[in-house]
Amino acid sequence: MSLTQFCVGGIFRFIDNDFKTEKELKATDPANHSKQMNAKAMRKYDLNWSYFLFAIDIAIPLSVV
């Protein structure tokens, strides 16, 4: 038997945006919208680098280092 849990990503965006949609946040608070979008971009950047660095750790044996 298998169980899969799923949660809609929009819920997390809604909470991150102070309980507003991205469209509402941009209309009501452009400065905070810009700040949120920059933070989101940095999280994606950091996450992508962490995957890359993890892949390097796996590919290089410890005896080589």
PDB file of N, CA and C in Angstrom:
ATOM      1  N   MET A   1       0.836  -1.177   0.000  1.00  0.00           N
ATOM      2  CA  MET A   1       0.000   0.000   0.000  1.00  0.00           C
ATOM      3  C   MET A   1       0.885   1.245   0.000  1.00  0.00           C
ATOM      4  N   SER A   2       0.457   2.235  -0.720  1.00  0.00           N
ATOM      5  CA  SER A   2       1.235   3.455  -0.852  1.00  0.00           C
ATOM      6  C   SER A   2       0.347   4.667  -0.571  1.00  0.00           C
ATOM      7  N   LEU A   3       0.937   5.687   0.022  1.00  0.00           N
ATOM      8  CA  LEU A   3       0.205   6.914   0.318  1.00  0.00           C
ATOM      9  C   LEU A   3       1.004   8.088  -0.215  1.00  0.00           C
ATOM     10  N   THR A   4       0.368   8.921  -0.977  1.00  0.00           N
ATOM     11  CA  THR A   4       1.012  10.115  -1.506  1.00  0.00           C
ATOM     12  C   THR A   4       0.310  11.336  -0.944  1.00  0.00           C
ATOM     13  N   GLN A   5       1.105  12.262  -0.395  1.00  0.00           N
ATOM     14  CA  GLN A   5       0.531  13.496   0.121  1.00  0.00           C
ATOM     15  C   GLN A   5       0.809  14.605  -0.877  1.00  0.00           C
ATOM     16  N   PHE A   6      -0.145  15.487  -1.048  1.00  0.00           N
ATOM     17  CA  PHE A   6      -0.022  16.571  -2.016  1.00  0.00           C
ATOM     18  C   PHE A   6      -0.576  17.841  -1.399  1.00  0.00           C
ATOM     19  N   CYS A   7       0.093  18.923  -1.655  1.00  0.00           N
ATOM     20  CA  CYS A   7      -0.389  20.227  -1.192  1.00  0.00           C
ATOM     21  C   CYS A   7      -0.181  21.219  -2.338  1.00  0.00           C
ATOM     22  N   VAL A   8      -1.184  22.009  -2.585  1.00  0.00           N
ATOM     23  CA  VAL A   8      -1.121  22.986  -3.670  1.00  0.00           C
ATOM     24  C   VAL A   8      -0.118  24.083  -3.310  1.00  0.00           C
ATOM     25  N   GLY A   9       0.813  24.367  -4.218  1.00  0.00           N
ATOM     26  CA  GLY A   9       1.841  25.376  -3.966  1.00  0.00           C
ATOM     27  C   GLY A   9       1.286  26.776  -3.769  1.00  0.00           C
ATOM     28  N   GLY A  10       0.112  27.040  -4.339  1.00  0.00           N
ATOM     29  CA  GLY A  10      -0.498  28.358  -4.194  1.00  0.00           C
ATOM     30  C   GLY A  10      -0.786  28.717  -2.748  1.00  0.00           C
ATOM     31  N   ILE A  11      -1.034  27.727  -1.924  1.00  0.00           N
ATOM     32  CA  ILE A  11      -1.283  27.986  -0.502  1.00  0.00           C
ATOM     33  C   ILE A  11      -0.041  28.592   0.142  1.00  0.00           C
ATOM     34  N   PHE A  12       1.120  28.049  -0.172  1.00  0.00           N
ATOM     35  CA  PHE A  12       2.359  28.566   0.408  1.00  0.00           C
ATOM     36  C   PHE A  12       2.671  29.967  -0.121  1.00  0.00           C
ATOM     37  N   ARG A  13       2.423  30.199  -1.408  1.00  0.00           N
ATOM     38  CA  ARG A  13       2.632  31.547  -1.953  1.00  0.00           C
ATOM     39  C   ARG A  13       1.692  32.545  -1.291  1.00  0.00           C
ATOM     40  N   PHE A  14       0.450  32.144  -1.077  1.00  0.00           N
ATOM     41  CA  PHE A  14      -0.545  32.999  -0.440  1.00  0.00           C
ATOM     42  C   PHE A  14      -0.089  33.395   0.963  1.00  0.00           C
ATOM     43  N   ILE A  15       0.415  32.455   1.725  1.00  0.00           N
ATOM     44  CA  ILE A  15       0.903  32.740   3.077  1.00  0.00           C
ATOM     45  C   ILE A  15       2.144  33.622   3.020  1.00  0.00           C
ATOM     46  N   ASP A  16       3.085  33.311   2.131  1.00  0.00           N
ATOM     47  CA  ASP A  16       4.304  34.126   1.993  1.00  0.00           C
ATOM     48  C   ASP A  16       3.991  35.561   1.602  1.00  0.00           C
ATOM     49  N   ASN A  17       2.911  35.761   0.871  1.00  0.00           N
ATOM     50  CA  ASN A  17       2.527  37.103   0.393  1.00  0.00           C
ATOM     51  C   ASN A  17       1.571  37.803   1.353  1.00  0.00           C
ATOM     52  N   ASP A  18       1.685  37.506   2.639  1.00  0.00           N
ATOM     53  CA  ASP A  18       0.831  38.145   3.659  1.00  0.00           C
ATOM     54  C   ASP A  18      -0.651  37.909   3.393  1.00  0.00           C
ATOM     55  N   PHE A  19      -0.991  36.699   2.998  1.00  0.00           N
ATOM     56  CA  PHE A  19      -2.373  36.277   2.761  1.00  0.00           C
ATOM     57  C   PHE A  19      -3.046  37.088   1.650  1.00  0.00           C
ATOM     58  N   LYS A  20      -2.260  37.346   0.607  1.00  0.00           N
ATOM     59  CA  LYS A  20      -2.770  38.010  -0.598  1.00  0.00           C
ATOM     60  C   LYS A  20      -2.257  37.222  -1.796  1.00  0.00           C
ATOM     61  N   THR A  21      -3.005  37.305  -2.906  1.00  0.00           N
ATOM     62  CA  THR A  21      -2.482  36.713  -4.135  1.00  0.00           C
ATOM     63  C   THR A  21      -1.339  37.598  -4.621  1.00  0.00           C
ATOM     64  N   GLU A  22      -0.524  37.062  -5.528  1.00  0.00           N
ATOM     65  CA  GLU A  22       0.590  37.871  -6.043  1.00  0.00           C
ATOM     66  C   GLU A  22       0.063  39.117  -6.750  1.00  0.00           C
ATOM     67  N   LYS A  23      -1.058  38.973  -7.439  1.00  0.00           N
ATOM     68  CA  LYS A  23      -1.665  40.107  -8.137  1.00  0.00           C
ATOM     69  C   LYS A  23      -2.115  41.178  -7.137  1.00  0.00           C
ATOM     70  N   GLU A  24      -2.780  40.756  -6.045  1.00  0.00           N
ATOM     71  CA  GLU A  24      -3.225  41.705  -5.018  1.00  0.00           C
ATOM     72  C   GLU A  24      -2.039  42.372  -4.321  1.00  0.00           C
ATOM     73  N   LEU A  25      -1.002  41.591  -4.036  1.00  0.00           N
ATOM     74  CA  LEU A  25       0.177  42.135  -3.368  1.00  0.00           C
ATOM     75  C   LEU A  25       0.860  43.181  -4.239  1.00  0.00           C
ATOM     76  N   LYS A  26       0.962  42.895  -5.528  1.00  0.00           N
ATOM     77  CA  LYS A  26       1.596  43.847  -6.444  1.00  0.00           C
ATOM     78  C   LYS A  26       0.798  45.141  -6.531  1.00  0.00           C
ATOM     79  N   ALA A  27      -0.537  45.032  -6.514  1.00  0.00           N
ATOM     80  CA  ALA A  27      -1.386  46.213  -6.613  1.00  0.00           C
ATOM     81  C   ALA A  27      -1.384  47.042  -5.327  1.00  0.00           C
ATOM     82  N   THR A  28      -1.358  46.373  -4.178  1.00  0.00           N
ATOM     83  CA  THR A  28      -1.475  47.098  -2.912  1.00  0.00           C
ATOM     84  C   THR A  28      -0.146  47.495  -2.294  1.00  0.00           C
ATOM     85  N   ASP A  29       0.915  46.732  -2.567  1.00  0.00           N
ATOM     86  CA  ASP A  29       2.209  47.004  -1.935  1.00  0.00           C
ATOM     87  C   ASP A  29       3.343  46.632  -2.890  1.00  0.00           C
ATOM     88  N   PRO A  30       3.612  47.492  -3.869  1.00  0.00           N
ATOM     89  CA  PRO A  30       4.629  47.149  -4.875  1.00  0.00           C
ATOM     90  C   PRO A  30       6.033  46.924  -4.289  1.00  0.00           C
ATOM     91  N   ALA A  31       6.380  47.672  -3.234  1.00  0.00           N
ATOM     92  CA  ALA A  31       7.713  47.506  -2.637  1.00  0.00           C
ATOM     93  C   ALA A  31       7.850  46.117  -2.014  1.00  0.00           C
ATOM     94  N   ASN A  32       6.840  45.685  -1.278  1.00  0.00           N
ATOM     95  CA  ASN A  32       6.877  44.358  -0.657  1.00  0.00           C
ATOM     96  C   ASN A  32       6.815  43.265  -1.726  1.00  0.00           C
ATOM     97  N   HIS A  33       6.059  43.502  -2.797  1.00  0.00           N
ATOM     98  CA  HIS A  33       5.989  42.530  -3.891  1.00  0.00           C
ATOM     99  C   HIS A  33       7.375  42.327  -4.497  1.00  0.00           C
ATOM    100  N   SER A  34       8.068  43.428  -4.740  1.00  0.00           N
ATOM    101  CA  SER A  34       9.413  43.344  -5.303  1.00  0.00           C
ATOM    102  C   SER A  34      10.345  42.597  -4.350  1.00  0.00           C
ATOM    103  N   LYS A  35      10.246  42.893  -3.068  1.00  0.00           N
ATOM    104  CA  LYS A  35      11.064  42.226  -2.059  1.00  0.00           C
ATOM    105  C   LYS A  35      10.778  40.722  -2.039  1.00  0.00           C
ATOM    106  N   GLN A  36       9.512  40.350  -2.098  1.00  0.00           N
ATOM    107  CA  GLN A  36       9.118  38.934  -2.081  1.00  0.00           C
ATOM    108  C   GLN A  36       9.633  38.204  -3.324  1.00  0.00           C
ATOM    109  N   MET A  37       9.539  38.856  -4.481  1.00  0.00           N
ATOM    110  CA  MET A  37       9.988  38.209  -5.720  1.00  0.00           C
ATOM    111  C   MET A  37      11.509  38.033  -5.715  1.00  0.00           C
ATOM    112  N   ASN A  38      12.239  39.011  -5.184  1.00  0.00           N
ATOM    113  CA  ASN A  38      13.692  38.873  -5.082  1.00  0.00           C
ATOM    114  C   ASN A  38      14.069  37.748  -4.121  1.00  0.00           C
ATOM    115  N   ALA A  39      13.350  37.653  -2.999  1.00  0.00           N
ATOM    116  CA  ALA A  39      13.614  36.587  -2.031  1.00  0.00           C
ATOM    117  C   ALA A  39      13.331  35.221  -2.646  1.00  0.00           C
ATOM    118  N   LYS A  40      12.258  35.126  -3.419  1.00  0.00           N
ATOM    119  CA  LYS A  40      11.915  33.863  -4.079  1.00  0.00           C
ATOM    120  C   LYS A  40      13.013  33.468  -5.075  1.00  0.00           C
ATOM    121  N   ALA A  41      13.507  34.441  -5.824  1.00  0.00           N
ATOM    122  CA  ALA A  41      14.565  34.154  -6.794  1.00  0.00           C
ATOM    123  C   ALA A  41      15.833  33.668  -6.088  1.00  0.00           C
ATOM    124  N   MET A  42      16.153  34.275  -4.955  1.00  0.00           N
ATOM    125  CA  MET A  42      17.344  33.855  -4.215  1.00  0.00           C
ATOM    126  C   MET A  42      17.181  32.446  -3.634  1.00  0.00           C
ATOM    127  N   ARG A  43      15.980  32.106  -3.160  1.00  0.00           N
ATOM    128  CA  ARG A  43      15.739  30.754  -2.652  1.00  0.00           C
ATOM    129  C   ARG A  43      15.930  29.730  -3.759  1.00  0.00           C
ATOM    130  N   LYS A  44      15.417  30.034  -4.956  1.00  0.00           N
ATOM    131  CA  LYS A  44      15.583  29.109  -6.085  1.00  0.00           C
ATOM    132  C   LYS A  44      17.059  28.984  -6.464  1.00  0.00           C
ATOM    133  N   TYR A  45      17.767  30.104  -6.473  1.00  0.00           N
ATOM    134  CA  TYR A  45      19.196  30.114  -6.798  1.00  0.00           C
ATOM    135  C   TYR A  45      19.969  29.248  -5.803  1.00  0.00           C
ATOM    136  N   ASP A  46      19.718  29.471  -4.506  1.00  0.00           N
ATOM    137  CA  ASP A  46      20.407  28.699  -3.471  1.00  0.00           C
ATOM    138  C   ASP A  46      20.075  27.217  -3.569  1.00  0.00           C
ATOM    139  N   LEU A  47      18.814  26.902  -3.817  1.00  0.00           N
ATOM    140  CA  LEU A  47      18.402  25.509  -3.930  1.00  0.00           C
ATOM    141  C   LEU A  47      19.090  24.832  -5.114  1.00  0.00           C
ATOM    142  N   ASN A  48      19.131  25.508  -6.246  1.00  0.00           N
ATOM    143  CA  ASN A  48      19.775  24.930  -7.425  1.00  0.00           C
ATOM    144  C   ASN A  48      21.261  24.696  -7.183  1.00  0.00           C
ATOM    145  N   TRP A  49      21.948  25.625  -6.527  1.00  0.00           N
ATOM    146  CA  TRP A  49      23.362  25.435  -6.223  1.00  0.00           C
ATOM    147  C   TRP A  49      23.556  24.275  -5.258  1.00  0.00           C
ATOM    148  N   SER A  50      22.644  24.112  -4.305  1.00  0.00           N
ATOM    149  CA  SER A  50      22.794  23.014  -3.355  1.00  0.00           C
ATOM    150  C   SER A  50      22.695  21.661  -4.073  1.00  0.00           C
ATOM    151  N   TYR A  51      21.821  21.562  -5.083  1.00  0.00           N
ATOM    152  CA  TYR A  51      21.731  20.323  -5.867  1.00  0.00           C
ATOM    153  C   TYR A  51      23.039  20.067  -6.606  1.00  0.00           C
ATOM    154  N   PHE A  52      23.589  21.107  -7.198  1.00  0.00           N
ATOM    155  CA  PHE A  52      24.827  20.983  -7.955  1.00  0.00           C
ATOM    156  C   PHE A  52      25.972  20.556  -7.039  1.00  0.00           C
ATOM    157  N   LEU A  53      26.108  21.214  -5.893  1.00  0.00           N
ATOM    158  CA  LEU A  53      27.196  20.887  -4.980  1.00  0.00           C
ATOM    159  C   LEU A  53      27.045  19.475  -4.418  1.00  0.00           C
ATOM    160  N   PHE A  54      25.808  19.049  -4.177  1.00  0.00           N
ATOM    161  CA  PHE A  54      25.567  17.685  -3.712  1.00  0.00           C
ATOM    162  C   PHE A  54      26.003  16.684  -4.779  1.00  0.00           C
ATOM    163  N   ALA A  55      25.712  16.971  -6.028  1.00  0.00           N
ATOM    164  CA  ALA A  55      26.101  16.088  -7.137  1.00  0.00           C
ATOM    165  C   ALA A  55      27.614  15.988  -7.234  1.00  0.00           C
ATOM    166  N   ILE A  56      28.310  17.092  -7.002  1.00  0.00           N
ATOM    167  CA  ILE A  56      29.789  17.061  -7.029  1.00  0.00           C
ATOM    168  C   ILE A  56      30.299  16.194  -5.890  1.00  0.00           C
ATOM    169  N   ASP A  57      29.701  16.333  -4.704  1.00  0.00           N
ATOM    170  CA  ASP A  57      30.120  15.515  -3.555  1.00  0.00           C
ATOM    171  C   ASP A  57      29.997  14.032  -3.850  1.00  0.00           C
ATOM    172  N   ILE A  58      28.956  13.649  -4.551  1.00  0.00           N
ATOM    173  CA  ILE A  58      28.746  12.241  -4.886  1.00  0.00           C
ATOM    174  C   ILE A  58      29.733  11.780  -5.948  1.00  0.00           C
ATOM    175  N   ALA A  59      30.041  12.642  -6.908  1.00  0.00           N
ATOM    176  CA  ALA A  59      30.869  12.263  -8.051  1.00  0.00           C
ATOM    177  C   ALA A  59      32.348  12.146  -7.708  1.00  0.00           C
ATOM    178  N   ILE A  60      32.817  12.901  -6.714  1.00  0.00           N
ATOM    179  CA  ILE A  60      34.248  12.899  -6.380  1.00  0.00           C
ATOM    180  C   ILE A  60      34.478  11.990  -5.171  1.00  0.00           C
ATOM    181  N   PRO A  61      35.211  10.906  -5.349  1.00  0.00           N
ATOM    182  CA  PRO A  61      35.492  10.032  -4.199  1.00  0.00           C
ATOM    183  C   PRO A  61      36.336  10.762  -3.155  1.00  0.00           C
ATOM    184  N   LEU A  62      36.170  10.396  -1.906  1.00  0.00           N
ATOM    185  CA  LEU A  62      36.906  11.057  -0.830  1.00  0.00           C
ATOM    186  C   LEU A  62      38.411  10.832  -0.939  1.00  0.00           C
ATOM    187  N   SER A  63      38.839   9.737  -1.528  1.00  0.00           N
ATOM    188  CA  SER A  63      40.267   9.466  -1.648  1.00  0.00           C
ATOM    189  C   SER A  63      40.959  10.463  -2.579  1.00  0.00           C
ATOM    190  N   VAL A  64      40.222  11.079  -3.476  1.00  0.00           N
ATOM    191  CA  VAL A  64      40.789  12.040  -4.426  1.00  0.00           C
ATOM    192  C   VAL A  64      41.014  13.377  -3.747  1.00  0.00           C
ATOM    193  N   VAL A  65      40.152  13.722  -2.805  1.00  0.00           N
ATOM    194  CA  VAL A  65      40.194  15.046  -2.168  1.00  0.00           C
ATOM    195  C   VAL A  65      41.322  15.172  -1.240  1.00  0.00           C
TER     196      VAL A  65
END
